[in-house]
Protein backbone atom coordinates (compact mmCIF):
# COMPACT_ATOMS: atom_id res chain seq x y z
CA MET A 1 109.99 85.76 127.16
CA LYS A 2 111.28 84.51 123.87
CA ILE A 3 109.82 81.61 121.92
CA LEU A 4 111.63 80.30 118.82
CA CYS A 5 110.25 77.91 116.21
CA ILE A 6 112.30 75.93 113.98
CA CYS A 7 110.16 74.65 111.08
CA GLY A 8 111.74 71.74 108.95
CA SER A 9 109.37 71.82 106.01
CA PRO A 10 110.82 72.31 102.59
CA ARG A 11 107.66 73.87 101.26
CA GLY A 12 108.20 77.56 102.55
CA LYS A 13 105.13 79.66 102.44
CA ASN A 14 103.04 76.77 101.07
CA SER A 15 103.73 74.51 104.10
CA GLN A 16 100.90 73.34 106.27
CA THR A 17 103.44 72.56 108.91
CA LYS A 18 104.50 76.21 109.10
CA ALA A 19 101.10 77.47 108.95
CA LEU A 20 100.12 75.16 111.99
CA ALA A 21 103.39 76.30 113.82
CA GLY A 22 102.54 79.77 113.25
CA LYS A 23 99.15 79.44 115.07
CA VAL A 24 101.19 78.18 118.00
CA LEU A 25 103.32 81.23 117.80
CA LYS A 26 100.41 83.61 117.41
CA ALA A 27 98.67 82.33 120.51
CA ALA A 28 101.99 82.60 122.43
CA GLN A 29 102.55 86.17 121.13
CA ALA A 30 98.95 87.07 122.36
CA GLN A 31 100.14 85.92 125.81
CA GLY A 32 102.85 88.38 125.82
CA ALA A 33 105.76 86.29 124.36
CA GLY A 34 108.29 87.45 121.88
CA VAL A 35 108.27 84.92 119.00
CA GLU A 36 110.38 84.12 115.98
CA MET A 37 110.08 81.48 113.16
CA VAL A 38 113.21 79.98 111.51
CA ASP A 39 112.22 78.49 108.18
CA LEU A 40 114.73 75.81 107.27
CA SER A 41 113.63 75.97 103.52
CA GLU A 42 115.58 79.29 103.48
CA ALA A 43 118.45 78.02 105.37
CA ARG A 44 121.82 76.68 104.42
CA ILE A 45 122.51 73.58 106.46
CA LYS A 46 125.47 71.32 106.31
CA PHE A 47 125.65 67.80 107.72
CA CYS A 48 127.49 67.00 110.88
CA ARG A 49 130.96 65.44 110.34
CA ALA A 50 131.32 63.84 113.72
CA CYS A 51 134.53 65.51 114.19
CA GLU A 52 133.78 66.18 117.89
CA ALA A 53 135.27 69.74 117.69
CA CYS A 54 132.26 71.12 119.49
CA HIS A 55 133.04 68.91 122.52
CA GLN A 56 136.49 70.39 122.70
CA LYS A 57 135.84 74.11 122.40
CA PRO A 58 132.85 76.25 121.72
CA GLY A 59 131.20 76.34 118.28
CA CYS A 60 131.06 74.37 115.13
CA VAL A 61 133.81 74.12 112.50
CA LEU A 62 131.36 74.15 109.76
CA ARG A 63 130.14 77.60 108.52
CA ASP A 64 126.53 77.79 107.52
CA ASP A 65 123.29 79.03 109.12
CA THR A 66 123.13 76.14 111.88
CA ASN A 67 125.39 78.21 114.04
CA THR A 68 123.17 81.18 114.09
CA ILE A 69 120.03 78.94 114.62
CA LEU A 70 121.52 77.06 117.62
CA ALA A 71 122.60 80.40 119.13
CA LYS A 72 118.96 81.56 118.98
CA VAL A 73 117.96 78.35 120.58
CA LEU A 74 120.12 79.00 123.53
CA LYS A 75 118.68 82.52 123.96
CA ALA A 76 115.15 81.28 123.84
CA ASP A 77 112.93 80.27 126.74
CA GLY A 78 110.74 78.16 124.63
CA LEU A 79 111.27 76.08 121.46
CA VAL A 80 108.82 74.91 118.98
CA LEU A 81 110.03 72.00 116.85
CA ALA A 82 107.95 71.64 113.68
CA SER A 83 108.07 69.15 110.84
CA PRO A 84 105.98 67.10 108.32
CA VAL A 85 106.22 63.43 108.63
CA TYR A 86 108.49 61.95 105.74
CA LEU A 87 108.86 58.05 105.93
CA ASN A 88 107.93 58.10 109.81
CA GLN A 89 110.66 60.68 110.58
CA ILE A 90 111.38 64.50 110.67
CA THR A 91 112.80 66.12 107.49
CA ALA A 92 116.43 65.73 106.55
CA LYS A 93 117.08 69.43 107.28
CA LEU A 94 115.59 69.39 110.56
CA LYS A 95 117.45 66.09 111.53
CA ALA A 96 120.81 67.78 110.31
CA VAL A 97 120.18 70.74 112.62
CA LEU A 98 119.53 68.46 115.52
CA ASP A 99 122.63 66.33 114.68
CA ARG A 100 124.72 69.51 114.89
CA SER A 101 123.42 70.15 118.44
CA SER A 102 125.56 67.33 119.85
CA HIS A 103 127.07 69.67 122.34
CA PHE A 104 123.63 70.50 123.60
CA VAL A 105 123.05 66.70 124.40
CA HIS A 106 126.56 66.23 126.31
CA CYS A 107 125.86 69.40 128.35
CA MET A 108 122.08 69.41 128.50
CA CYS A 109 122.08 72.94 127.40
CA LEU A 110 118.39 73.42 127.48
CA VAL A 111 117.87 72.70 131.10
CA GLY A 112 115.13 75.09 132.33
CA LYS A 113 113.64 75.53 128.79
CA TYR A 114 110.44 74.20 127.44
CA LEU A 115 109.51 72.46 124.26
CA ALA A 116 106.45 72.11 122.09
CA VAL A 117 106.03 69.86 119.03
CA VAL A 118 104.22 70.28 115.73
CA THR A 119 103.70 67.64 113.17
CA THR A 120 101.70 67.26 109.99
CA ASN A 121 101.18 64.15 107.97
CA GLY A 122 99.06 62.69 105.18
CA GLY A 123 99.53 59.05 105.91
CA GLY A 124 100.12 58.69 109.65
CA GLY A 125 103.37 58.61 111.59
CA GLY A 126 102.72 61.65 113.46
CA THR A 127 102.69 59.90 116.93
CA GLN A 128 106.11 58.36 116.22
CA VAL A 129 107.66 61.51 115.13
CA GLN A 130 106.18 63.41 118.09
CA ALA A 131 107.75 60.94 120.48
CA TYR A 132 111.08 61.31 118.74
CA LEU A 133 111.06 65.08 119.08
CA LYS A 134 109.92 64.98 122.72
CA HIS A 135 112.81 62.44 123.39
CA TYR A 136 115.23 65.00 121.75
CA GLY A 137 114.04 67.56 124.20
CA ILE A 138 114.87 65.29 127.18
CA THR A 139 118.45 64.48 125.85
CA VAL A 140 119.04 68.24 125.68
CA GLY A 141 117.54 69.07 129.01
CA ALA A 142 114.22 70.66 128.16
CA GLN A 143 110.71 69.68 129.32
CA CYS A 144 108.07 69.07 126.65
CA VAL A 145 104.44 70.63 127.31
CA GLY A 146 103.06 68.66 124.59
CA GLY A 147 102.41 68.65 120.83
CA VAL A 148 99.78 68.95 118.03
CA ASP A 149 99.54 66.61 115.13
CA ALA A 150 97.49 67.37 112.04
CA LYS A 151 96.33 64.74 109.44
CA GLY A 152 95.52 65.99 106.00
CA PRO A 153 94.41 69.61 105.29
CA LEU A 154 94.23 71.70 108.52
CA LYS A 155 90.94 71.71 110.34
CA PRO A 156 89.35 74.12 112.81
CA ALA A 157 90.16 71.60 115.43
CA ASP A 158 93.92 71.60 114.54
CA VAL A 159 93.97 75.41 114.68
CA ALA A 160 92.32 75.32 118.11
CA ALA A 161 94.81 72.65 119.31
CA ALA A 162 97.82 74.75 118.10
CA ALA A 163 96.44 77.79 119.93
CA ALA A 164 96.01 75.82 123.14
CA LEU A 165 99.58 74.50 122.74
CA GLY A 166 100.88 78.19 122.41
CA LYS A 167 99.09 79.13 125.56
CA GLU A 168 100.28 76.05 127.50
CA LEU A 169 103.83 76.77 126.37
CA VAL A 170 103.73 80.24 127.78
CA ALA A 171 102.05 79.24 130.99
CA ALA A 172 104.70 76.50 131.65
CA ILE A 173 107.54 78.88 131.02
CA ARG A 174 105.95 81.65 133.41
CA GLY A 175 105.08 79.13 135.93
CA LYS A 176 108.37 77.11 135.65
CA LYS A 177 106.06 73.93 135.47
CA GLN A 178 107.55 70.57 136.42
CA TYR A 179 106.57 67.35 134.83
CA PRO A 180 107.63 64.52 137.29
CA ASP A 181 108.15 61.78 134.86
CA GLN A 182 110.35 64.18 132.66
CA ILE A 183 112.26 65.48 135.59
CA GLU A 184 113.00 61.80 136.45
CA SER A 185 114.27 61.22 132.92
CA LEU A 186 116.31 64.37 132.94
CA GLU A 187 118.04 63.24 136.25
CA MET A 188 118.90 59.90 134.68
CA GLN A 189 120.37 61.63 131.69
CA LYS A 190 122.40 63.96 133.90
CA GLN A 191 123.77 60.90 135.83
CA TYR A 192 124.75 59.29 132.66
CA PHE A 193 126.60 62.21 131.10
CA ARG A 194 128.25 63.08 134.50
CA LYS A 195 130.00 59.73 134.30
CA LEU A 196 130.76 60.10 130.55
CA ILE A 197 132.05 63.65 130.70
CA THR A 198 134.24 62.90 133.77
CA LEU A 199 135.67 59.84 131.93
CA ARG A 200 136.52 61.75 128.75
CA LYS A 201 137.45 65.00 130.34
CA ASP A 202 140.83 65.10 128.45
CA ASP A 203 139.08 64.46 125.24
CA TRP A 204 136.32 66.97 125.72
CA PRO A 205 137.92 69.66 127.84
CA TYR A 206 135.47 72.37 126.96
CA GLU A 207 132.47 70.33 128.11
CA TYR A 208 134.17 69.08 131.17
CA GLN A 209 134.75 72.84 132.19
CA PHE A 210 131.17 73.55 131.30
CA TRP A 211 130.04 70.89 133.86
CA LYS A 212 132.36 72.17 136.45
CA ASP A 213 131.03 75.80 135.92
CA GLN A 214 127.33 74.59 136.30
CA GLU A 215 128.53 72.81 139.62
CA TRP A 216 127.14 69.45 138.18
CA LEU A 217 130.25 67.53 138.99
């Protein structure tokens, strides 16, 4: 089992978000999972140009660390998305990485995988950002096991909640847990993109073939 965390904080080793996400990974590792942290403060990330090349053939035309990060996401069983709250949203670098995963959305590439969410904030907004990241999970096919949101300096209760989240993530992966409300949303997402992919099969040949290979058409 492999769990990957993508931390969007720009503060590196001084990041509370990274520290809290690390507690999630530590708990998961104690349950036998292999874990890895991707620190976006150390990554070179370019913005999506909306060229749609990733819908036509595998990969992205931009050359930076995003391609390596997204390849790791595809190999992981579980994903932890972590970000401080900036103006009621995730950080620009994390948003850029998610924007570059447009192909994941069209092909629901994370079906069968699980997501956990970590946020920190000083003035609120955690609930909104947690909801956004959970929604992203649905759009790419993953089920979200939950999240932890810390306000201000990390407290023992935050650390305990992060550890519990790490254990829950491992348990969900091992047990292939099903969340009925999310399964319903995933099916609606699949129905929508089944129609769209079929309609635009000449524009998006790679994705159309992907859907055929998955026997979703």
